Amino acid sequence: MLVQQILKSKANDAVATVPPDASVRKAATLLSDKRIGALVVSKDGRHALGIISERDIVREIGKRGPGCLDERVEQMMTGEIETCHRDEVADEVLKRMTEGRFRHIPVVEGEEMVGLISIGDVVKARLSELSMEKDALEGMIMGH
């Protein structure tokens, strides 16, 4: 399965972004309102500067207290992010995500974002693929 197929299967393919100068509090509110786990940090909505996740925010609150919510997103974001392309094999992307211990990866074409997939999106797609394979094998065994 290719990353492109996962993007097509998502109900909402819009990438939720937050500007780097927004407060971490604003990012936390967006995450909560949208019920998502991460935001891409971007000035223009097309170029990824970083990612800020629920885990990043909770980790910093645990270390430094709630005062860090008033900092700018760019001070807390992960700035060195992995990206993938539409034509990459999803299993390879899943392997990179697992080994790198991150859960979200922007999909880029050239330098522009065209989507964002989560580890949950990849696992869901893989489970669907396995279910179809199982059904096909059962059909072959049963003679259908």
C-alpha atoms as a PDB file:
ATOM      1  CA  MET A   1       0.000   0.000   0.000  1.00  0.00           C
ATOM      2  CA  LEU A   2       1.255   3.472  -0.857  1.00  0.00           C
ATOM      3  CA  VAL A   3       1.025   6.630   1.243  1.00  0.00           C
ATOM      4  CA  GLN A   4      -1.203   8.099  -1.506  1.00  0.00           C
ATOM      5  CA  GLN A   5      -3.821   5.410  -0.852  1.00  0.00           C
ATOM      6  CA  ILE A   6      -3.851   6.276   2.856  1.00  0.00           C
ATOM      7  CA  LEU A   7      -4.314   9.972   2.068  1.00  0.00           C
ATOM      8  CA  LYS A   8      -7.260   9.154  -0.215  1.00  0.00           C
ATOM      9  CA  SER A   9      -8.905   7.030   2.474  1.00  0.00           C
ATOM     10  CA  LYS A  10      -8.847   9.781   5.110  1.00  0.00           C
ATOM     11  CA  ALA A  11     -12.162  11.510   5.716  1.00  0.00           C
ATOM     12  CA  ASN A  12     -10.436  14.870   6.074  1.00  0.00           C
ATOM     13  CA  ASP A  13      -7.192  15.420   4.203  1.00  0.00           C
ATOM     14  CA  ALA A  14      -6.639  18.991   5.412  1.00  0.00           C
ATOM     15  CA  VAL A  15      -3.460  19.508   7.421  1.00  0.00           C
ATOM     16  CA  ALA A  16      -4.076  21.330  10.701  1.00  0.00           C
ATOM     17  CA  THR A  17      -1.384  23.967  11.159  1.00  0.00           C
ATOM     18  CA  VAL A  18      -0.382  26.566  13.694  1.00  0.00           C
ATOM     19  CA  PRO A  19       1.948  29.537  13.129  1.00  0.00           C
ATOM     20  CA  PRO A  20       5.315  29.435  14.924  1.00  0.00           C
ATOM     21  CA  ASP A  21       4.564  32.615  16.876  1.00  0.00           C
ATOM     22  CA  ALA A  22       1.254  31.301  18.294  1.00  0.00           C
ATOM     23  CA  SER A  23       1.188  30.462  21.996  1.00  0.00           C
ATOM     24  CA  VAL A  24       1.467  26.876  23.119  1.00  0.00           C
ATOM     25  CA  ARG A  25      -1.878  27.478  24.854  1.00  0.00           C
ATOM     26  CA  LYS A  26      -3.427  28.264  21.441  1.00  0.00           C
ATOM     27  CA  ALA A  27      -1.906  25.067  20.020  1.00  0.00           C
ATOM     28  CA  ALA A  28      -3.296  23.028  22.932  1.00  0.00           C
ATOM     29  CA  THR A  29      -6.745  24.533  22.331  1.00  0.00           C
ATOM     30  CA  LEU A  30      -6.579  23.676  18.606  1.00  0.00           C
ATOM     31  CA  LEU A  31      -5.535  20.108  19.398  1.00  0.00           C
ATOM     32  CA  SER A  32      -8.419  19.752  21.820  1.00  0.00           C
ATOM     33  CA  ASP A  33     -11.007  21.393  19.544  1.00  0.00           C
ATOM     34  CA  LYS A  34     -10.001  19.326  16.519  1.00  0.00           C
ATOM     35  CA  ARG A  35      -9.492  16.139  18.556  1.00  0.00           C
ATOM     36  CA  ILE A  36      -6.114  15.473  16.960  1.00  0.00           C
ATOM     37  CA  GLY A  37      -2.692  14.603  18.298  1.00  0.00           C
ATOM     38  CA  ALA A  38      -0.401  17.013  16.477  1.00  0.00           C
ATOM     39  CA  LEU A  39      -0.227  20.254  14.527  1.00  0.00           C
ATOM     40  CA  VAL A  40       2.216  21.109  11.796  1.00  0.00           C
ATOM     41  CA  VAL A  41       3.978  24.382  12.536  1.00  0.00           C
ATOM     42  CA  SER A  42       3.839  26.522   9.402  1.00  0.00           C
ATOM     43  CA  LYS A  43       3.786  30.191   8.486  1.00  0.00           C
ATOM     44  CA  ASP A  44       1.825  29.654   5.277  1.00  0.00           C
ATOM     45  CA  GLY A  45       0.060  26.299   5.680  1.00  0.00           C
ATOM     46  CA  ARG A  46       2.161  24.768   2.882  1.00  0.00           C
ATOM     47  CA  HIS A  47       5.694  24.531   4.272  1.00  0.00           C
ATOM     48  CA  ALA A  48       6.403  22.586   7.465  1.00  0.00           C
ATOM     49  CA  LEU A  49       8.758  24.226   9.943  1.00  0.00           C
ATOM     50  CA  GLY A  50       8.102  21.689  12.685  1.00  0.00           C
ATOM     51  CA  ILE A  51       5.498  19.703  14.575  1.00  0.00           C
ATOM     52  CA  ILE A  52       4.020  20.174  18.024  1.00  0.00           C
ATOM     53  CA  SER A  53       2.140  17.309  19.596  1.00  0.00           C
ATOM     54  CA  GLU A  54       0.049  16.672  22.672  1.00  0.00           C
ATOM     55  CA  ARG A  55       2.968  14.693  24.045  1.00  0.00           C
ATOM     56  CA  ASP A  56       5.371  17.608  23.557  1.00  0.00           C
ATOM     57  CA  ILE A  57       3.059  19.903  25.499  1.00  0.00           C
ATOM     58  CA  VAL A  58       2.327  17.458  28.319  1.00  0.00           C
ATOM     59  CA  ARG A  59       6.025  16.609  28.674  1.00  0.00           C
ATOM     60  CA  GLU A  60       6.944  20.288  29.081  1.00  0.00           C
ATOM     61  CA  ILE A  61       4.097  21.007  31.504  1.00  0.00           C
ATOM     62  CA  GLY A  62       5.336  18.060  33.557  1.00  0.00           C
ATOM     63  CA  LYS A  63       8.896  19.399  33.559  1.00  0.00           C
ATOM     64  CA  ARG A  64       8.303  23.120  33.889  1.00  0.00           C
ATOM     65  CA  GLY A  65       4.714  23.667  34.964  1.00  0.00           C
ATOM     66  CA  PRO A  66       1.785  25.363  33.212  1.00  0.00           C
ATOM     67  CA  GLY A  67       3.700  28.624  32.672  1.00  0.00           C
ATOM     68  CA  CYS A  68       5.194  27.122  29.508  1.00  0.00           C
ATOM     69  CA  LEU A  69       1.741  27.392  27.880  1.00  0.00           C
ATOM     70  CA  ASP A  70       2.446  31.089  27.373  1.00  0.00           C
ATOM     71  CA  GLU A  71       5.579  30.407  25.303  1.00  0.00           C
ATOM     72  CA  ARG A  72       5.567  30.470  21.519  1.00  0.00           C
ATOM     73  CA  VAL A  73       5.045  27.217  19.636  1.00  0.00           C
ATOM     74  CA  GLU A  74       8.432  27.566  17.922  1.00  0.00           C
ATOM     75  CA  GLN A  75      10.109  27.297  21.335  1.00  0.00           C
ATOM     76  CA  MET A  76       8.545  23.887  22.014  1.00  0.00           C
ATOM     77  CA  MET A  77       8.070  22.327  18.577  1.00  0.00           C
ATOM     78  CA  THR A  78      10.151  19.533  17.151  1.00  0.00           C
ATOM     79  CA  GLY A  79      12.049  21.373  14.447  1.00  0.00           C
ATOM     80  CA  GLU A  80      13.777  18.503  12.703  1.00  0.00           C
ATOM     81  CA  ILE A  81      10.932  16.485  11.254  1.00  0.00           C
ATOM     82  CA  GLU A  82      10.785  13.495   9.002  1.00  0.00           C
ATOM     83  CA  THR A  83       8.651  13.727   5.870  1.00  0.00           C
ATOM     84  CA  CYS A  84       7.471  11.198   3.325  1.00  0.00           C
ATOM     85  CA  HIS A  85       6.194  11.218  -0.251  1.00  0.00           C
ATOM     86  CA  ARG A  86       2.939   9.991  -1.791  1.00  0.00           C
ATOM     87  CA  ASP A  87       4.678   7.178  -3.660  1.00  0.00           C
ATOM     88  CA  GLU A  88       6.380   5.668  -0.594  1.00  0.00           C
ATOM     89  CA  VAL A  89       5.321   2.251   0.653  1.00  0.00           C
ATOM     90  CA  ALA A  90       3.298   2.609   3.853  1.00  0.00           C
ATOM     91  CA  ASP A  91       5.099  -0.261   5.597  1.00  0.00           C
ATOM     92  CA  GLU A  92       8.415   1.553   5.168  1.00  0.00           C
ATOM     93  CA  VAL A  93       6.939   4.768   6.570  1.00  0.00           C
ATOM     94  CA  LEU A  94       5.509   2.800   9.500  1.00  0.00           C
ATOM     95  CA  LYS A  95       8.942   1.326  10.160  1.00  0.00           C
ATOM     96  CA  ARG A  96      10.528   4.819  10.176  1.00  0.00           C
ATOM     97  CA  MET A  97       7.839   6.104  12.529  1.00  0.00           C
ATOM     98  CA  THR A  98       8.268   3.173  14.895  1.00  0.00           C
ATOM     99  CA  GLU A  99      12.064   3.351  14.930  1.00  0.00           C
ATOM    100  CA  GLY A 100      12.061   7.155  15.303  1.00  0.00           C
ATOM    101  CA  ARG A 101       9.348   7.044  17.985  1.00  0.00           C
ATOM    102  CA  PHE A 102       7.105   9.645  16.354  1.00  0.00           C
ATOM    103  CA  ARG A 103       3.450   9.385  15.440  1.00  0.00           C
ATOM    104  CA  HIS A 104       2.846  11.963  12.699  1.00  0.00           C
ATOM    105  CA  ILE A 105       4.584  12.574   9.391  1.00  0.00           C
ATOM    106  CA  PRO A 106       3.888  15.261   6.782  1.00  0.00           C
ATOM    107  CA  VAL A 107       3.497  14.077   3.214  1.00  0.00           C
ATOM    108  CA  VAL A 108       5.343  16.410   0.870  1.00  0.00           C
ATOM    109  CA  GLU A 109       5.568  16.966  -2.836  1.00  0.00           C
ATOM    110  CA  GLY A 110       8.667  18.973  -3.559  1.00  0.00           C
ATOM    111  CA  GLU A 111       8.845  21.298  -0.570  1.00  0.00           C
ATOM    112  CA  GLU A 112       5.074  21.656  -0.089  1.00  0.00           C
ATOM    113  CA  MET A 113       2.855  19.643   2.249  1.00  0.00           C
ATOM    114  CA  VAL A 114       0.073  17.723   0.591  1.00  0.00           C
ATOM    115  CA  GLY A 115      -1.095  15.853   3.677  1.00  0.00           C
ATOM    116  CA  LEU A 116      -0.287  14.432   7.064  1.00  0.00           C
ATOM    117  CA  ILE A 117      -0.579  10.833   8.159  1.00  0.00           C
ATOM    118  CA  SER A 118      -0.460   9.392  11.640  1.00  0.00           C
ATOM    119  CA  ILE A 119       0.743   6.019  12.786  1.00  0.00           C
ATOM    120  CA  GLY A 120      -2.946   5.254  13.423  1.00  0.00           C
ATOM    121  CA  ASP A 121      -3.790   6.006   9.777  1.00  0.00           C
ATOM    122  CA  VAL A 122      -1.080   3.591   8.610  1.00  0.00           C
ATOM    123  CA  VAL A 123      -2.144   0.842  11.027  1.00  0.00           C
ATOM    124  CA  LYS A 124      -5.819   1.264  10.055  1.00  0.00           C
ATOM    125  CA  ALA A 125      -4.954   0.993   6.354  1.00  0.00           C
ATOM    126  CA  ARG A 126      -2.780  -2.061   6.974  1.00  0.00           C
ATOM    127  CA  LEU A 127      -5.545  -3.781   8.979  1.00  0.00           C
ATOM    128  CA  SER A 128      -8.000  -3.087   6.156  1.00  0.00           C
ATOM    129  CA  GLU A 129      -5.541  -4.540   3.652  1.00  0.00           C
ATOM    130  CA  LEU A 130      -5.072  -7.669   5.796  1.00  0.00           C
ATOM    131  CA  SER A 131      -8.835  -8.093   6.114  1.00  0.00           C
ATOM    132  CA  MET A 132      -9.247  -7.969   2.333  1.00  0.00           C
ATOM    133  CA  GLU A 133      -6.434 -10.509   1.897  1.00  0.00           C
ATOM    134  CA  LYS A 134      -8.076 -12.796   4.473  1.00  0.00           C
ATOM    135  CA  ASP A 135     -11.436 -12.555   2.696  1.00  0.00           C
ATOM    136  CA  ALA A 136      -9.805 -13.324  -0.662  1.00  0.00           C
ATOM    137  CA  LEU A 137      -8.009 -16.369   0.751  1.00  0.00           C
ATOM    138  CA  GLU A 138     -11.186 -17.650   2.404  1.00  0.00           C
ATOM    139  CA  GLY A 139     -12.999 -17.201  -0.913  1.00  0.00           C
ATOM    140  CA  MET A 140     -10.329 -19.188  -2.708  1.00  0.00           C
ATOM    141  CA  ILE A 141     -10.460 -21.977  -0.117  1.00  0.00           C
ATOM    142  CA  MET A 142     -14.251 -22.131  -0.229  1.00  0.00           C
ATOM    143  CA  GLY A 143     -14.213 -22.107  -4.035  1.00  0.00           C
ATOM    144  CA  HIS A 144     -15.957 -18.737  -4.492  1.00  0.00           C
END
